[in-house]
Amino acid sequence: RISAAQGALGDRESEAGRILQVAAKMLKSCRTELRNCLFDLRSDTLDEPDFTDAIRRTLERVGARCKIAVRFSVRRSLLLDSTAHAVLSIIRELTSNAVVHGRATSVKIAGSVERGCLLFSVTDDGCGFDLQRRGNSSTGHYGLDGIADRVRRLNGNFKLESSASTGTRAVFSIPLGYPF
């Protein structure tokens, strides 16, 4: 219906056209999130004793389109299920963004535990983006807002760096044992 309305409207520069564009982005985001939820319900990746394997399995659908390197030296037993699920969701979202929006050909995922915190990063070689003009939920882009919400609920922090010459890098610090 949204596509039909856009076609009938013709003029995408009008206020109605802009509203329909946001609605279309919101719907696409909802479909993607629903697919991810269904994957998570059917998946037993949280049962993987090796978290590196859990990450690779989570990224199977995305990984066919780019080279993914994972070096995650964190024992799965150190993470609460809710933390592990959040971390897998964050990594999936960032990797998907890198491939779809950033046109990355390579994504590197690294993780370790230091001083009671889970530290991890996701780095890509994509086209990058302007952090000041990034999309958010009001423009139909939920990914980075969703990541920020997950990290906040885990009492963690994250930093995002991006440029056209180096791609995008997200760095996270999450205290271990903090319930989701």
N, C-alpha and C. Protein backbone atom coordinates (compact mmCIF):
# COMPACT_ATOMS: atom_id res chain seq x y z
N ARG A 1 0.81 -1.20 0.00
CA ARG A 1 0.00 0.00 0.00
C ARG A 1 0.85 1.26 0.00
N ILE A 2 1.94 1.22 0.78
CA ILE A 2 2.82 2.38 0.82
C ILE A 2 3.44 2.63 -0.54
N SER A 3 3.91 1.56 -1.19
CA SER A 3 4.49 1.70 -2.53
C SER A 3 3.47 2.22 -3.53
N ALA A 4 2.25 1.72 -3.43
CA ALA A 4 1.19 2.19 -4.33
C ALA A 4 0.92 3.67 -4.10
N ALA A 5 0.89 4.08 -2.85
CA ALA A 5 0.65 5.50 -2.54
C ALA A 5 1.80 6.36 -3.06
N GLN A 6 3.03 5.87 -2.92
CA GLN A 6 4.18 6.61 -3.44
C GLN A 6 4.09 6.75 -4.95
N GLY A 7 3.70 5.67 -5.62
CA GLY A 7 3.57 5.71 -7.07
C GLY A 7 2.47 6.66 -7.52
N ALA A 8 1.36 6.65 -6.81
CA ALA A 8 0.25 7.52 -7.16
C ALA A 8 0.59 8.98 -6.89
N LEU A 9 1.36 9.22 -5.85
CA LEU A 9 1.71 10.59 -5.48
C LEU A 9 2.67 11.20 -6.48
N GLY A 10 3.65 10.40 -6.89
CA GLY A 10 4.60 10.88 -7.89
C GLY A 10 5.64 11.82 -7.35
N ASP A 11 5.24 12.91 -6.73
CA ASP A 11 6.18 13.93 -6.24
C ASP A 11 6.71 13.56 -4.87
N ARG A 12 7.94 13.04 -4.84
CA ARG A 12 8.54 12.60 -3.58
C ARG A 12 9.03 13.78 -2.73
N GLU A 13 9.09 14.96 -3.29
CA GLU A 13 9.57 16.13 -2.56
C GLU A 13 8.49 16.75 -1.70
N SER A 14 7.25 16.35 -1.88
CA SER A 14 6.16 16.92 -1.08
C SER A 14 6.22 16.38 0.34
N GLU A 15 5.50 17.01 1.24
CA GLU A 15 5.44 16.54 2.63
C GLU A 15 4.87 15.13 2.69
N ALA A 16 3.83 14.85 1.92
CA ALA A 16 3.24 13.51 1.90
C ALA A 16 4.25 12.49 1.39
N GLY A 17 5.03 12.87 0.39
CA GLY A 17 6.06 11.97 -0.14
C GLY A 17 7.11 11.64 0.90
N ARG A 18 7.53 12.64 1.67
CA ARG A 18 8.53 12.42 2.72
C ARG A 18 7.96 11.52 3.82
N ILE A 19 6.71 11.73 4.17
CA ILE A 19 6.07 10.89 5.18
C ILE A 19 5.99 9.44 4.71
N LEU A 20 5.64 9.24 3.45
CA LEU A 20 5.57 7.88 2.91
C LEU A 20 6.96 7.23 2.87
N GLN A 21 8.00 8.00 2.58
CA GLN A 21 9.35 7.45 2.57
C GLN A 21 9.74 6.96 3.96
N VAL A 22 9.44 7.75 4.98
CA VAL A 22 9.74 7.35 6.35
C VAL A 22 8.93 6.10 6.72
N ALA A 23 7.66 6.08 6.34
CA ALA A 23 6.81 4.91 6.64
C ALA A 23 7.37 3.66 5.97
N ALA A 24 7.83 3.79 4.72
CA ALA A 24 8.41 2.64 4.01
C ALA A 24 9.68 2.15 4.71
N LYS A 25 10.52 3.08 5.18
CA LYS A 25 11.74 2.69 5.91
C LYS A 25 11.38 2.01 7.22
N MET A 26 10.38 2.53 7.91
CA MET A 26 9.94 1.93 9.18
C MET A 26 9.45 0.51 8.96
N LEU A 27 8.66 0.31 7.93
CA LEU A 27 8.12 -1.01 7.62
C LEU A 27 9.25 -1.98 7.28
N LYS A 28 10.20 -1.52 6.48
CA LYS A 28 11.34 -2.38 6.13
C LYS A 28 12.12 -2.76 7.38
N SER A 29 12.34 -1.81 8.25
CA SER A 29 13.05 -2.07 9.50
C SER A 29 12.30 -3.07 10.36
N CYS A 30 10.99 -2.94 10.44
CA CYS A 30 10.16 -3.88 11.22
C CYS A 30 10.25 -5.28 10.65
N ARG A 31 10.21 -5.40 9.32
CA ARG A 31 10.33 -6.71 8.69
C ARG A 31 11.67 -7.35 9.00
N THR A 32 12.73 -6.57 8.93
CA THR A 32 14.07 -7.08 9.22
C THR A 32 14.15 -7.54 10.67
N GLU A 33 13.64 -6.73 11.59
CA GLU A 33 13.68 -7.08 13.01
C GLU A 33 12.86 -8.33 13.28
N LEU A 34 11.72 -8.46 12.62
CA LEU A 34 10.88 -9.66 12.78
C LEU A 34 11.62 -10.90 12.28
N ARG A 35 12.29 -10.79 11.13
CA ARG A 35 13.09 -11.91 10.62
C ARG A 35 14.17 -12.30 11.62
N ASN A 36 14.83 -11.29 12.20
CA ASN A 36 15.87 -11.57 13.19
C ASN A 36 15.29 -12.24 14.43
N CYS A 37 14.13 -11.79 14.87
CA CYS A 37 13.48 -12.41 16.04
C CYS A 37 13.12 -13.87 15.75
N LEU A 38 12.60 -14.13 14.56
CA LEU A 38 12.25 -15.50 14.20
C LEU A 38 13.51 -16.37 14.12
N PHE A 39 14.59 -15.82 13.57
CA PHE A 39 15.86 -16.54 13.53
C PHE A 39 16.31 -16.87 14.94
N ASP A 40 16.23 -15.89 15.84
CA ASP A 40 16.67 -16.09 17.22
C ASP A 40 15.82 -17.16 17.92
N LEU A 41 14.52 -17.19 17.66
CA LEU A 41 13.64 -18.18 18.27
C LEU A 41 13.98 -19.60 17.81
N ARG A 42 14.37 -19.73 16.54
CA ARG A 42 14.67 -21.04 15.99
C ARG A 42 16.12 -21.47 16.23
N SER A 43 16.94 -20.52 16.62
CA SER A 43 18.37 -20.77 16.71
C SER A 43 18.77 -21.26 18.11
N ASP A 44 19.81 -22.06 18.13
CA ASP A 44 20.36 -22.49 19.41
C ASP A 44 21.78 -21.91 19.59
N THR A 45 22.03 -20.77 18.98
CA THR A 45 23.37 -20.17 19.06
C THR A 45 23.76 -19.81 20.49
N LEU A 46 22.79 -19.50 21.34
CA LEU A 46 23.13 -19.19 22.73
C LEU A 46 23.68 -20.40 23.47
N ASP A 47 23.43 -21.59 22.93
CA ASP A 47 23.94 -22.82 23.55
C ASP A 47 25.37 -23.14 23.14
N GLU A 48 25.91 -22.39 22.18
CA GLU A 48 27.28 -22.63 21.72
C GLU A 48 28.26 -22.38 22.87
N PRO A 49 29.12 -23.34 23.19
CA PRO A 49 30.10 -23.11 24.26
C PRO A 49 31.19 -22.10 23.84
N ASP A 50 31.43 -22.00 22.55
CA ASP A 50 32.43 -21.08 22.01
C ASP A 50 31.70 -19.88 21.42
N PHE A 51 31.89 -18.70 22.01
CA PHE A 51 31.15 -17.52 21.57
C PHE A 51 31.55 -17.10 20.15
N THR A 52 32.76 -17.39 19.74
CA THR A 52 33.17 -17.10 18.37
C THR A 52 32.29 -17.88 17.39
N ASP A 53 32.01 -19.15 17.70
CA ASP A 53 31.12 -19.95 16.85
C ASP A 53 29.70 -19.38 16.85
N ALA A 54 29.24 -18.90 18.01
CA ALA A 54 27.91 -18.31 18.09
C ALA A 54 27.83 -17.07 17.19
N ILE A 55 28.87 -16.25 17.18
CA ILE A 55 28.90 -15.06 16.33
C ILE A 55 28.87 -15.48 14.86
N ARG A 56 29.72 -16.43 14.50
CA ARG A 56 29.76 -16.87 13.09
C ARG A 56 28.41 -17.42 12.64
N ARG A 57 27.75 -18.20 13.49
CA ARG A 57 26.44 -18.75 13.13
C ARG A 57 25.40 -17.64 13.00
N THR A 58 25.48 -16.65 13.87
CA THR A 58 24.53 -15.54 13.81
C THR A 58 24.70 -14.75 12.52
N LEU A 59 25.91 -14.70 12.00
CA LEU A 59 26.20 -13.90 10.81
C LEU A 59 26.19 -14.69 9.51
N GLU A 60 25.75 -15.94 9.56
CA GLU A 60 25.77 -16.78 8.35
C GLU A 60 25.04 -16.12 7.18
N ARG A 61 23.89 -15.54 7.43
CA ARG A 61 23.11 -14.93 6.34
C ARG A 61 23.77 -13.68 5.80
N VAL A 62 24.47 -12.92 6.64
CA VAL A 62 25.13 -11.69 6.23
C VAL A 62 26.49 -11.98 5.63
N GLY A 63 27.17 -12.98 6.18
CA GLY A 63 28.56 -13.26 5.84
C GLY A 63 28.83 -13.68 4.41
N ALA A 64 27.82 -14.13 3.70
CA ALA A 64 28.04 -14.56 2.32
C ALA A 64 28.38 -13.37 1.43
N ARG A 65 28.05 -12.17 1.88
CA ARG A 65 28.25 -10.99 1.05
C ARG A 65 29.53 -10.21 1.35
N CYS A 66 30.27 -10.63 2.37
CA CYS A 66 31.54 -9.97 2.67
C CYS A 66 32.41 -10.88 3.52
N LYS A 67 33.69 -10.54 3.62
CA LYS A 67 34.62 -11.32 4.42
C LYS A 67 34.48 -10.89 5.88
N ILE A 68 34.26 -11.87 6.76
CA ILE A 68 34.10 -11.57 8.18
C ILE A 68 35.18 -12.30 8.97
N ALA A 69 35.94 -11.54 9.75
CA ALA A 69 36.97 -12.12 10.62
C ALA A 69 36.51 -11.94 12.06
N VAL A 70 36.53 -13.03 12.83
CA VAL A 70 36.10 -12.98 14.22
C VAL A 70 37.23 -13.45 15.12
N ARG A 71 37.60 -12.62 16.08
CA ARG A 71 38.58 -12.97 17.10
C ARG A 71 37.97 -12.55 18.44
N PHE A 72 37.20 -13.44 19.01
CA PHE A 72 36.42 -13.13 20.21
C PHE A 72 36.84 -14.08 21.31
N SER A 73 37.83 -13.70 22.09
CA SER A 73 38.38 -14.58 23.12
C SER A 73 37.64 -14.39 24.45
N VAL A 74 36.36 -14.73 24.43
CA VAL A 74 35.50 -14.61 25.61
C VAL A 74 34.78 -15.94 25.79
N ARG A 75 34.92 -16.52 26.97
CA ARG A 75 34.21 -17.77 27.24
C ARG A 75 32.72 -17.49 27.36
N ARG A 76 31.93 -18.27 26.69
CA ARG A 76 30.48 -18.10 26.71
C ARG A 76 29.94 -18.16 28.13
N SER A 77 30.55 -18.97 28.98
CA SER A 77 30.08 -19.15 30.35
C SER A 77 30.18 -17.87 31.19
N LEU A 78 30.96 -16.90 30.73
CA LEU A 78 31.09 -15.63 31.46
C LEU A 78 29.91 -14.69 31.24
N LEU A 79 29.11 -14.97 30.20
CA LEU A 79 28.03 -14.07 29.82
C LEU A 79 26.67 -14.60 30.23
N LEU A 80 25.88 -13.75 30.84
CA LEU A 80 24.48 -14.11 31.06
C LEU A 80 23.82 -14.29 29.70
N ASP A 81 22.78 -15.11 29.63
CA ASP A 81 22.08 -15.32 28.36
C ASP A 81 21.61 -14.00 27.76
N SER A 82 21.08 -13.12 28.61
CA SER A 82 20.56 -11.84 28.11
C SER A 82 21.68 -10.99 27.54
N THR A 83 22.85 -11.02 28.16
CA THR A 83 24.00 -10.26 27.65
C THR A 83 24.48 -10.87 26.34
N ALA A 84 24.59 -12.19 26.30
CA ALA A 84 25.02 -12.86 25.07
C ALA A 84 24.07 -12.55 23.92
N HIS A 85 22.77 -12.61 24.17
CA HIS A 85 21.78 -12.31 23.13
C HIS A 85 21.93 -10.87 22.65
N ALA A 86 22.09 -9.93 23.58
CA ALA A 86 22.25 -8.52 23.21
C ALA A 86 23.51 -8.32 22.37
N VAL A 87 24.61 -8.94 22.76
CA VAL A 87 25.86 -8.80 22.03
C VAL A 87 25.72 -9.37 20.62
N LEU A 88 25.10 -10.53 20.49
CA LEU A 88 24.89 -11.12 19.16
C LEU A 88 24.00 -10.21 18.30
N SER A 89 22.98 -9.64 18.89
CA SER A 89 22.08 -8.74 18.15
C SER A 89 22.81 -7.48 17.70
N ILE A 90 23.64 -6.93 18.57
CA ILE A 90 24.42 -5.73 18.24
C ILE A 90 25.39 -6.04 17.09
N ILE A 91 26.10 -7.14 17.20
CA ILE A 91 27.07 -7.51 16.16
C ILE A 91 26.35 -7.75 14.83
N ARG A 92 25.20 -8.43 14.88
CA ARG A 92 24.44 -8.68 13.64
C ARG A 92 23.99 -7.37 13.01
N GLU A 93 23.49 -6.44 13.81
CA GLU A 93 23.02 -5.15 13.29
C GLU A 93 24.15 -4.36 12.66
N LEU A 94 25.28 -4.28 13.36
CA LEU A 94 26.41 -3.51 12.82
C LEU A 94 26.97 -4.14 11.56
N THR A 95 27.06 -5.46 11.54
CA THR A 95 27.58 -6.14 10.35
C THR A 95 26.63 -5.97 9.18
N SER A 96 25.35 -6.11 9.43
CA SER A 96 24.35 -5.90 8.37
C SER A 96 24.42 -4.47 7.84
N ASN A 97 24.51 -3.49 8.74
CA ASN A 97 24.63 -2.09 8.31
C ASN A 97 25.87 -1.89 7.45
N ALA A 98 26.99 -2.50 7.87
CA ALA A 98 28.24 -2.36 7.12
C ALA A 98 28.09 -2.88 5.70
N VAL A 99 27.43 -4.02 5.56
CA VAL A 99 27.28 -4.63 4.23
C VAL A 99 26.25 -3.89 3.39
N VAL A 100 25.07 -3.64 3.97
CA VAL A 100 23.97 -3.06 3.20
C VAL A 100 24.17 -1.57 2.94
N HIS A 101 24.44 -0.81 3.97
CA HIS A 101 24.55 0.65 3.82
C HIS A 101 25.97 1.10 3.51
N GLY A 102 26.95 0.47 4.14
CA GLY A 102 28.34 0.89 3.95
C GLY A 102 29.05 0.21 2.81
N ARG A 103 28.40 -0.81 2.19
CA ARG A 103 29.00 -1.56 1.09
C ARG A 103 30.39 -2.09 1.45
N ALA A 104 30.53 -2.54 2.70
CA ALA A 104 31.81 -3.09 3.17
C ALA A 104 32.12 -4.41 2.50
N THR A 105 33.39 -4.66 2.28
CA THR A 105 33.84 -5.95 1.76
C THR A 105 34.49 -6.78 2.87
N SER A 106 34.77 -6.11 4.01
CA SER A 106 35.43 -6.78 5.11
C SER A 106 34.92 -6.21 6.44
N VAL A 107 34.63 -7.11 7.39
CA VAL A 107 34.22 -6.72 8.74
C VAL A 107 35.07 -7.52 9.72
N LYS A 108 35.61 -6.82 10.72
CA LYS A 108 36.42 -7.47 11.76
C LYS A 108 35.71 -7.30 13.09
N ILE A 109 35.56 -8.42 13.79
CA ILE A 109 34.89 -8.44 15.09
C ILE A 109 35.88 -8.98 16.10
N ALA A 110 36.12 -8.23 17.18
CA ALA A 110 37.07 -8.64 18.19
C ALA A 110 36.44 -8.46 19.57
N GLY A 111 36.80 -9.35 20.50
CA GLY A 111 36.28 -9.23 21.85
C GLY A 111 37.21 -9.85 22.86
N SER A 112 37.18 -9.29 24.07
CA SER A 112 37.98 -9.82 25.17
C SER A 112 37.34 -9.39 26.48
N VAL A 113 37.85 -9.95 27.56
CA VAL A 113 37.40 -9.57 28.90
C VAL A 113 38.58 -8.96 29.62
N GLU A 114 38.37 -7.77 30.17
CA GLU A 114 39.41 -7.08 30.92
C GLU A 114 38.78 -6.38 32.11
N ARG A 115 39.36 -6.59 33.28
CA ARG A 115 38.92 -5.93 34.51
C ARG A 115 37.40 -5.99 34.70
N GLY A 116 36.83 -7.17 34.50
CA GLY A 116 35.42 -7.37 34.75
C GLY A 116 34.48 -6.81 33.71
N CYS A 117 35.02 -6.42 32.58
CA CYS A 117 34.18 -5.86 31.49
C CYS A 117 34.38 -6.65 30.21
N LEU A 118 33.30 -6.81 29.48
CA LEU A 118 33.36 -7.34 28.13
C LEU A 118 33.68 -6.17 27.22
N LEU A 119 34.78 -6.27 26.51
CA LEU A 119 35.17 -5.26 25.53
C LEU A 119 35.07 -5.88 24.16
N PHE A 120 34.40 -5.21 23.24
CA PHE A 120 34.36 -5.73 21.88
C PHE A 120 34.22 -4.60 20.88
N SER A 121 34.58 -4.91 19.65
CA SER A 121 34.50 -3.91 18.58
C SER A 121 34.07 -4.58 17.29
N VAL A 122 33.47 -3.76 16.43
CA VAL A 122 33.09 -4.17 15.09
C VAL A 122 33.63 -3.08 14.16
N THR A 123 34.51 -3.47 13.24
CA THR A 123 35.17 -2.53 12.35
C THR A 123 34.95 -2.96 10.91
N ASP A 124 34.58 -2.01 10.04
CA ASP A 124 34.37 -2.36 8.63
C ASP A 124 35.17 -1.43 7.72
N ASP A 125 35.30 -1.84 6.47
CA ASP A 125 36.02 -1.05 5.47
C ASP A 125 35.06 -0.39 4.50
N GLY A 126 33.85 -0.14 4.94
CA GLY A 126 32.83 0.46 4.08
C GLY A 126 33.03 1.93 3.82
N CYS A 127 32.00 2.55 3.26
CA CYS A 127 32.09 3.95 2.85
C CYS A 127 31.93 4.93 4.01
N GLY A 128 31.55 4.44 5.19
CA GLY A 128 31.39 5.33 6.34
C GLY A 128 30.17 6.22 6.20
N PHE A 129 29.95 7.07 7.20
CA PHE A 129 28.82 7.99 7.16
C PHE A 129 29.09 9.16 8.10
N ASP A 130 28.34 10.22 7.92
CA ASP A 130 28.47 11.41 8.75
C ASP A 130 27.73 11.17 10.06
N LEU A 131 28.46 11.10 11.16
CA LEU A 131 27.85 10.81 12.46
C LEU A 131 26.83 11.88 12.86
N GLN A 132 27.03 13.11 12.42
CA GLN A 132 26.10 14.19 12.76
C GLN A 132 24.78 14.08 12.01
N ARG A 133 24.78 13.36 10.90
CA ARG A 133 23.57 13.27 10.07
C ARG A 133 23.03 11.85 10.00
N ARG A 134 23.41 11.02 10.97
CA ARG A 134 22.97 9.62 10.95
C ARG A 134 21.47 9.53 11.15
N GLY A 135 20.88 8.50 10.58
CA GLY A 135 19.45 8.28 10.73
C GLY A 135 19.11 7.85 12.14
N ASN A 136 17.86 8.07 12.51
CA ASN A 136 17.37 7.62 13.81
C ASN A 136 15.93 7.16 13.65
N SER A 137 15.29 6.81 14.75
CA SER A 137 13.95 6.24 14.67
C SER A 137 12.94 7.20 14.05
N SER A 138 13.15 8.50 14.19
CA SER A 138 12.20 9.45 13.59
C SER A 138 12.30 9.48 12.07
N THR A 139 13.39 8.98 11.52
CA THR A 139 13.53 8.92 10.06
C THR A 139 13.40 7.49 9.54
N GLY A 140 12.95 6.58 10.41
CA GLY A 140 12.74 5.20 9.98
C GLY A 140 13.95 4.31 10.10
N HIS A 141 15.00 4.78 10.78
CA HIS A 141 16.22 4.00 10.98
C HIS A 141 16.34 3.67 12.47
N TYR A 142 16.19 2.41 12.80
CA TYR A 142 16.16 1.99 14.20
C TYR A 142 17.43 1.34 14.69
N GLY A 143 18.33 0.96 13.79
CA GLY A 143 19.49 0.16 14.16
C GLY A 143 20.38 0.76 15.23
N LEU A 144 20.89 1.96 15.00
CA LEU A 144 21.82 2.55 15.97
C LEU A 144 21.11 2.95 17.26
N ASP A 145 19.86 3.40 17.17
CA ASP A 145 19.09 3.69 18.39
C ASP A 145 18.86 2.41 19.19
N GLY A 146 18.57 1.32 18.50
CA GLY A 146 18.37 0.03 19.16
C GLY A 146 19.63 -0.45 19.85
N ILE A 147 20.77 -0.25 19.18
CA ILE A 147 22.05 -0.62 19.78
C ILE A 147 22.31 0.21 21.03
N ALA A 148 22.08 1.51 20.94
CA ALA A 148 22.28 2.39 22.10
C ALA A 148 21.39 1.95 23.26
N ASP A 149 20.14 1.58 22.97
CA ASP A 149 19.22 1.12 24.02
C ASP A 149 19.73 -0.16 24.68
N ARG A 150 20.18 -1.12 23.86
CA ARG A 150 20.69 -2.39 24.40
C ARG A 150 21.90 -2.14 25.31
N VAL A 151 22.81 -1.32 24.85
CA VAL A 151 24.03 -1.05 25.62
C VAL A 151 23.68 -0.32 26.93
N ARG A 152 22.77 0.61 26.86
CA ARG A 152 22.35 1.34 28.05
C ARG A 152 21.72 0.40 29.08
N ARG A 153 20.88 -0.55 28.61
CA ARG A 153 20.26 -1.51 29.53
C ARG A 153 21.27 -2.45 30.17
N LEU A 154 22.42 -2.61 29.53
CA LEU A 154 23.48 -3.44 30.08
C LEU A 154 24.47 -2.63 30.91
N ASN A 155 24.13 -1.36 31.13
CA ASN A 155 24.98 -0.45 31.89
C ASN A 155 26.35 -0.29 31.23
N GLY A 156 26.37 -0.35 29.90
CA GLY A 156 27.62 -0.25 29.17
C GLY A 156 27.77 1.07 28.44
N ASN A 157 28.84 1.15 27.68
CA ASN A 157 29.15 2.33 26.88
C ASN A 157 29.57 1.88 25.49
N PHE A 158 29.35 2.76 24.52
CA PHE A 158 29.92 2.50 23.20
C PHE A 158 30.26 3.80 22.51
N LYS A 159 31.24 3.68 21.64
CA LYS A 159 31.74 4.83 20.88
C LYS A 159 31.71 4.44 19.41
N LEU A 160 31.25 5.35 18.60
CA LEU A 160 31.13 5.12 17.17
C LEU A 160 32.03 6.10 16.44
N GLU A 161 32.86 5.58 15.52
CA GLU A 161 33.73 6.41 14.70
C GLU A 161 33.46 6.04 13.24
N SER A 162 33.41 7.04 12.37
CA SER A 162 33.16 6.75 10.97
C SER A 162 33.73 7.85 10.09
N SER A 163 34.30 7.43 8.97
CA SER A 163 34.76 8.38 7.96
C SER A 163 34.79 7.68 6.61
N ALA A 164 34.72 8.47 5.58
CA ALA A 164 34.70 7.92 4.22
C ALA A 164 35.99 7.19 3.89
N SER A 165 37.10 7.60 4.49
CA SER A 165 38.38 6.98 4.14
C SER A 165 38.68 5.72 4.93
N THR A 166 38.03 5.53 6.09
CA THR A 166 38.38 4.38 6.92
C THR A 166 37.21 3.47 7.26
N GLY A 167 36.00 3.80 6.88
CA GLY A 167 34.85 2.98 7.22
C GLY A 167 34.32 3.33 8.60
N THR A 168 33.76 2.34 9.29
CA THR A 168 33.12 2.58 10.57
C THR A 168 33.67 1.62 11.62
N ARG A 169 33.80 2.13 12.84
CA ARG A 169 34.25 1.30 13.96
C ARG A 169 33.39 1.62 15.17
N ALA A 170 32.86 0.57 15.79
CA ALA A 170 32.08 0.69 17.02
C ALA A 170 32.82 -0.06 18.11
N VAL A 171 33.02 0.58 19.25
CA VAL A 171 33.76 -0.01 20.37
C VAL A 171 32.84 -0.02 21.59
N PHE A 172 32.76 -1.18 22.26
CA PHE A 172 31.83 -1.38 23.37
C PHE A 172 32.55 -1.81 24.64
N SER A 173 31.99 -1.41 25.77
CA SER A 173 32.43 -1.85 27.09
C SER A 173 31.19 -2.13 27.91
N ILE A 174 31.05 -3.40 28.35
CA ILE A 174 29.86 -3.81 29.11
C ILE A 174 30.33 -4.57 30.35
N PRO A 175 29.91 -4.10 31.54
CA PRO A 175 30.28 -4.83 32.75
C PRO A 175 29.68 -6.24 32.72
N LEU A 176 30.46 -7.22 33.15
CA LEU A 176 29.95 -8.60 33.19
C LEU A 176 29.04 -8.80 34.39
N GLY A 177 28.06 -9.66 34.21
CA GLY A 177 27.17 -10.01 35.30
C GLY A 177 26.04 -9.05 35.54
N TYR A 178 25.95 -7.98 34.76
CA TYR A 178 24.87 -7.03 34.93
C TYR A 178 23.63 -7.58 34.25
N PRO A 179 22.54 -7.80 35.00
CA PRO A 179 21.35 -8.39 34.38
C PRO A 179 20.69 -7.46 33.39
N PHE A 180 20.20 -8.01 32.30
CA PHE A 180 19.53 -7.25 31.23
C PHE A 180 18.18 -6.81 31.69
